[in-house]
Amino acid sequence: MGQFLNDDVRGFAQGQLSQAEATGQAVASPRDLQVQVEQLTQMVEGIAARLNEPARRSIWQRVFGK
């Protein structure tokens, strides 16, 4: 799943850059892009970590031990 999201984010970023260049809009600096990619990577890693957590038990499961 992480690899799919990485590929998807990379494709989106490349599409945005191509579109900005085609329309003459200012393109973000490489440092700005790097910061954004790092932030997205942290978000994806956080989501992936939560997916691997065991399901939380309900109050009834905790009370009755099931």
C-alpha atoms as a PDB file:
ATOM      1  CA  MET A   1       0.000   0.000   0.000  1.00  0.00           C
ATOM      2  CA  GLY A   2       2.828   2.387   0.865  1.00  0.00           C
ATOM      3  CA  GLN A   3       4.499   1.848  -2.505  1.00  0.00           C
ATOM      4  CA  PHE A   4       1.212   2.509  -4.298  1.00  0.00           C
ATOM      5  CA  LEU A   5       0.742   5.779  -2.405  1.00  0.00           C
ATOM      6  CA  ASN A   6       4.348   6.807  -3.059  1.00  0.00           C
ATOM      7  CA  ASP A   7       3.887   6.184  -6.774  1.00  0.00           C
ATOM      8  CA  ASP A   8       0.563   8.012  -6.752  1.00  0.00           C
ATOM      9  CA  VAL A   9       1.978  11.046  -4.923  1.00  0.00           C
ATOM     10  CA  ARG A  10       5.017  11.149  -7.206  1.00  0.00           C
ATOM     11  CA  GLY A  11       2.790  10.983 -10.296  1.00  0.00           C
ATOM     12  CA  PHE A  12       0.558  13.739  -8.946  1.00  0.00           C
ATOM     13  CA  ALA A  13       3.553  15.974  -8.205  1.00  0.00           C
ATOM     14  CA  GLN A  14       5.000  15.417 -11.657  1.00  0.00           C
ATOM     15  CA  GLY A  15       1.640  16.211 -13.234  1.00  0.00           C
ATOM     16  CA  GLN A  16       1.380  19.434 -11.240  1.00  0.00           C
ATOM     17  CA  LEU A  17       4.878  20.462 -12.305  1.00  0.00           C
ATOM     18  CA  SER A  18       4.123  19.737 -15.953  1.00  0.00           C
ATOM     19  CA  GLN A  19       0.874  21.671 -15.768  1.00  0.00           C
ATOM     20  CA  ALA A  20       2.565  24.649 -14.073  1.00  0.00           C
ATOM     21  CA  GLU A  21       5.290  24.737 -16.709  1.00  0.00           C
ATOM     22  CA  ALA A  22       2.749  24.506 -19.543  1.00  0.00           C
ATOM     23  CA  THR A  23       0.663  27.392 -18.196  1.00  0.00           C
ATOM     24  CA  GLY A  24       3.647  29.545 -17.275  1.00  0.00           C
ATOM     25  CA  GLN A  25       2.927  29.505 -13.564  1.00  0.00           C
ATOM     26  CA  ALA A  26       5.757  29.734 -11.084  1.00  0.00           C
ATOM     27  CA  VAL A  27       7.162  26.344 -10.177  1.00  0.00           C
ATOM     28  CA  ALA A  28       7.955  25.639  -6.533  1.00  0.00           C
ATOM     29  CA  SER A  29      11.594  25.415  -5.585  1.00  0.00           C
ATOM     30  CA  PRO A  30      13.140  21.973  -5.157  1.00  0.00           C
ATOM     31  CA  ARG A  31      13.418  22.617  -1.401  1.00  0.00           C
ATOM     32  CA  ASP A  32       9.697  23.434  -1.153  1.00  0.00           C
ATOM     33  CA  LEU A  33       8.857  20.270  -3.039  1.00  0.00           C
ATOM     34  CA  GLN A  34      11.157  18.236  -0.815  1.00  0.00           C
ATOM     35  CA  VAL A  35       9.449  19.591   2.314  1.00  0.00           C
ATOM     36  CA  GLN A  36       6.026  18.760   0.888  1.00  0.00           C
ATOM     37  CA  VAL A  37       7.105  15.246  -0.085  1.00  0.00           C
ATOM     38  CA  GLU A  38       8.534  14.687   3.407  1.00  0.00           C
ATOM     39  CA  GLN A  39       5.259  15.816   4.969  1.00  0.00           C
ATOM     40  CA  LEU A  40       3.254  13.517   2.705  1.00  0.00           C
ATOM     41  CA  THR A  41       5.615  10.649   3.468  1.00  0.00           C
ATOM     42  CA  GLN A  42       5.095  11.159   7.203  1.00  0.00           C
ATOM     43  CA  MET A  43       1.336  11.172   6.702  1.00  0.00           C
ATOM     44  CA  VAL A  44       1.438   7.945   4.682  1.00  0.00           C
ATOM     45  CA  GLU A  45       3.708   6.267   7.231  1.00  0.00           C
ATOM     46  CA  GLY A  46       1.314   7.292  10.011  1.00  0.00           C
ATOM     47  CA  ILE A  47      -1.630   5.816   8.132  1.00  0.00           C
ATOM     48  CA  ALA A  48       0.284   2.607   7.416  1.00  0.00           C
ATOM     49  CA  ALA A  49       1.243   2.286  11.090  1.00  0.00           C
ATOM     50  CA  ARG A  50      -2.385   2.676  12.148  1.00  0.00           C
ATOM     51  CA  LEU A  51      -3.480   0.021   9.657  1.00  0.00           C
ATOM     52  CA  ASN A  52      -1.117  -2.465  11.305  1.00  0.00           C
ATOM     53  CA  GLU A  53      -2.474  -1.816  14.815  1.00  0.00           C
ATOM     54  CA  PRO A  54      -4.775  -4.457  16.219  1.00  0.00           C
ATOM     55  CA  ALA A  55      -8.414  -3.464  16.300  1.00  0.00           C
ATOM     56  CA  ARG A  56      -9.401  -1.620  19.429  1.00  0.00           C
ATOM     57  CA  ARG A  57     -11.615  -3.481  21.820  1.00  0.00           C
ATOM     58  CA  SER A  58     -14.994  -2.073  22.717  1.00  0.00           C
ATOM     59  CA  ILE A  59     -15.983  -1.298  26.280  1.00  0.00           C
ATOM     60  CA  TRP A  60     -18.015  -4.510  26.383  1.00  0.00           C
ATOM     61  CA  GLN A  61     -15.049  -6.576  25.234  1.00  0.00           C
ATOM     62  CA  ARG A  62     -12.900  -5.029  27.952  1.00  0.00           C
ATOM     63  CA  VAL A  63     -15.532  -5.535  30.652  1.00  0.00           C
ATOM     64  CA  PHE A  64     -16.415  -9.116  29.732  1.00  0.00           C
ATOM     65  CA  GLY A  65     -12.984 -10.138  28.479  1.00  0.00           C
ATOM     66  CA  LYS A  66     -14.111 -11.246  25.044  1.00  0.00           C
END
